[in-house]
Protein backbone atom coordinates (compact mmCIF):
# COMPACT_ATOMS: atom_id res chain seq x y z
CA MET A 1 6.82 1.40 -260.24
CA ALA A 2 8.13 -0.02 -256.85
CA ILE A 3 11.75 0.05 -256.16
CA ASN A 4 13.19 -2.88 -254.96
CA MET A 5 14.47 -2.62 -251.20
CA LYS A 6 15.90 -5.52 -250.61
CA PRO A 7 19.42 -4.96 -251.97
CA LEU A 8 19.74 -1.57 -250.47
CA ILE A 9 18.83 -3.12 -247.08
CA PHE A 10 21.30 -5.71 -247.35
CA VAL A 11 24.24 -3.33 -248.37
CA SER A 12 23.59 -1.17 -245.01
CA VAL A 13 23.51 -4.22 -243.06
CA LEU A 14 26.48 -5.75 -244.60
CA VAL A 15 28.45 -2.15 -244.30
CA ALA A 16 27.24 -1.74 -240.51
CA ALA A 17 28.43 -5.14 -239.54
CA LEU A 18 31.69 -4.97 -241.32
CA ALA A 19 32.17 -1.61 -239.45
CA ALA A 20 31.32 -2.49 -236.09
CA PRO A 21 33.99 -4.96 -235.40
CA THR A 22 36.49 -2.45 -236.28
CA ALA A 23 35.09 0.47 -234.20
CA GLU A 24 35.10 -1.67 -231.34
CA ALA A 25 38.77 -2.83 -231.37
CA GLN A 26 39.93 0.75 -231.80
CA LEU A 27 38.04 2.26 -229.21
CA LEU A 28 37.13 -0.20 -226.71
CA ASN A 29 40.34 -2.27 -225.62
CA LEU A 30 42.97 -1.18 -223.44
CA ILE A 31 46.12 -1.85 -221.78
CA ARG A 32 46.52 -0.74 -217.82
CA ILE A 33 49.82 -0.95 -215.91
CA GLN A 34 49.42 -0.14 -212.58
CA GLY A 35 51.19 -0.52 -209.25
CA THR A 36 52.22 0.92 -205.97
CA VAL A 37 55.49 2.29 -205.04
CA LEU A 38 56.89 2.08 -201.41
CA CYS A 39 59.43 4.04 -199.80
CA THR A 40 62.28 1.15 -199.19
CA THR A 41 65.20 -0.16 -201.15
CA ASN A 42 63.98 -3.84 -200.17
CA ALA A 43 60.20 -4.62 -201.68
CA THR A 44 60.99 -8.09 -200.08
CA VAL A 45 60.66 -7.25 -196.37
CA SER A 46 60.38 -10.74 -194.69
CA ILE A 47 59.68 -9.39 -191.07
CA PRO A 48 56.25 -7.73 -191.23
CA VAL A 49 56.07 -3.92 -190.81
CA ALA A 50 54.68 -1.01 -192.17
CA ILE A 51 56.24 0.32 -194.96
CA PRO A 52 55.25 3.88 -196.01
CA PRO A 53 54.11 4.66 -199.76
CA PHE A 54 56.52 6.74 -201.84
CA PRO A 55 53.77 9.66 -202.98
CA GLY A 56 54.83 12.27 -205.51
CA ALA A 57 57.38 9.95 -207.23
CA GLN A 58 57.96 10.10 -210.82
CA VAL A 59 57.50 6.37 -212.86
CA GLN A 60 58.60 6.07 -215.87
CA LEU A 61 57.59 2.80 -218.62
CA ARG A 62 60.85 2.20 -220.22
CA CYS A 63 61.31 0.13 -223.30
CA SER A 64 64.65 -0.74 -224.52
CA GLY A 65 66.21 1.77 -221.89
CA VAL A 66 63.80 4.54 -223.40
CA PRO A 67 61.00 6.34 -221.55
CA VAL A 68 57.78 6.04 -223.21
CA ALA A 69 55.13 6.79 -220.67
CA THR A 70 55.17 8.83 -217.27
CA ALA A 71 53.09 9.32 -214.46
CA THR A 72 53.42 10.67 -210.81
CA THR A 73 52.56 8.62 -207.80
CA ASN A 74 49.72 9.52 -205.59
CA SER A 75 49.49 10.09 -201.94
CA THR A 76 49.04 6.18 -201.46
CA GLY A 77 52.07 5.74 -203.70
CA GLN A 78 49.77 4.03 -206.47
CA PHE A 79 50.34 4.99 -210.48
CA THR A 80 48.56 4.02 -213.91
CA PHE A 81 49.72 3.96 -217.23
CA PHE A 82 47.17 3.31 -220.24
CA LEU A 83 48.21 2.08 -223.25
CA ASP A 84 46.35 1.52 -226.81
CA PRO A 85 46.74 -2.17 -228.04
CA LEU A 86 46.56 -1.04 -231.28
CA SER A 87 49.93 0.87 -231.33
CA THR A 88 51.63 -1.42 -228.66
CA ASN A 89 52.86 -4.79 -228.93
CA LEU A 90 51.75 -7.01 -225.42
CA ALA A 91 54.95 -9.19 -226.37
CA SER A 92 57.59 -6.76 -226.75
CA LEU A 93 55.91 -4.73 -223.77
CA LEU A 94 56.44 -7.86 -221.64
CA GLY A 95 59.92 -8.62 -222.69
CA THR A 96 61.65 -5.26 -223.17
CA CYS A 97 59.65 -2.84 -220.79
CA ASN A 98 60.64 -2.08 -217.44
CA VAL A 99 58.72 0.18 -214.46
CA VAL A 100 61.33 2.42 -213.26
CA VAL A 101 61.39 5.16 -210.47
CA PRO A 102 64.05 7.45 -211.01
CA THR A 103 63.08 9.74 -208.12
CA PRO A 104 65.71 9.31 -205.25
CA LEU A 105 64.39 7.21 -202.46
CA SER A 106 66.01 9.97 -200.25
CA THR A 107 62.95 11.99 -201.08
CA CYS A 108 60.72 10.14 -199.02
CA ASN A 109 63.00 8.88 -196.44
CA ILE A 110 66.28 11.00 -195.74
CA GLY A 111 67.83 7.91 -194.39
CA LEU A 112 67.43 6.27 -197.66
CA PRO A 113 70.32 6.68 -200.90
CA THR A 114 70.05 9.77 -202.74
CA VAL A 115 71.34 8.21 -205.61
CA GLY A 116 69.75 5.57 -207.90
CA GLY A 117 65.75 4.60 -207.92
CA LEU A 118 63.78 1.18 -208.15
CA LEU A 119 63.15 -0.98 -211.24
CA ALA A 120 60.57 -3.57 -211.66
CA ASN A 121 59.78 -5.95 -214.80
CA LEU A 122 56.22 -6.20 -216.12
CA VAL A 123 53.97 -9.37 -215.37
CA PRO A 124 50.62 -10.25 -216.41
CA GLY A 125 47.78 -9.71 -214.19
CA LEU A 126 44.23 -10.54 -214.47
CA PRO A 127 42.00 -9.32 -217.37
CA THR A 128 39.23 -6.95 -216.45
CA THR A 129 35.67 -6.91 -218.71
CA VAL A 130 33.36 -3.97 -218.06
CA GLY A 131 30.12 -5.43 -219.13
CA ASN A 132 30.42 -6.25 -223.03
CA VAL A 133 31.95 -2.98 -223.85
CA LEU A 134 35.51 -2.75 -222.39
CA SER A 135 38.38 -5.05 -222.18
CA ILE A 136 41.20 -4.29 -220.14
CA VAL A 137 44.87 -6.33 -220.53
CA ASN A 138 46.32 -5.93 -216.90
CA LEU A 139 50.02 -5.51 -216.17
CA VAL A 140 51.67 -5.41 -212.67
CA PRO A 141 55.29 -4.51 -211.79
CA ALA A 142 56.89 -7.20 -210.10
CA ILE A 143 58.81 -6.64 -207.07
CA PHE A 144 60.60 -3.48 -207.10
CA GLN A 145 64.44 -3.67 -206.60
CA TYR A 146 66.77 -0.82 -205.99
CA VAL A 147 69.63 -0.14 -208.57
CA GLN A 148 72.02 2.32 -207.93
CA ASN A 149 72.96 3.35 -211.38
CA LEU A 150 69.75 3.65 -213.49
């Protein structure tokens, strides 16, 4: 007596097809927020001058005023946050979140203020796709502005 394998193969293929999109959505999509912090109170300098980076600065992602992620700038003033899009609402992120640098600017230049910090809104950047396996939604800080009371 031969066993009919068609139903077993059909069920196996169906289970695999249904499981694949779920695994991809959970593992292979990211939201990345990255930028560069400069050692200045005015990030919109109109005179072409070399503005040094702000290394070692604490950078916070704040949503509705509450810190939800923290990073530290590297030697060139760059920082990056990675967020899970399944637990992060992109529209809410763009509407209620800011990038904040609470480290006093006097830390990178003694002539700059000892209180306050920098604040920037988030804006969409260009998406990144790595092969067919990774999709990254990029967000960047708009122009950092000095704020005395953070």
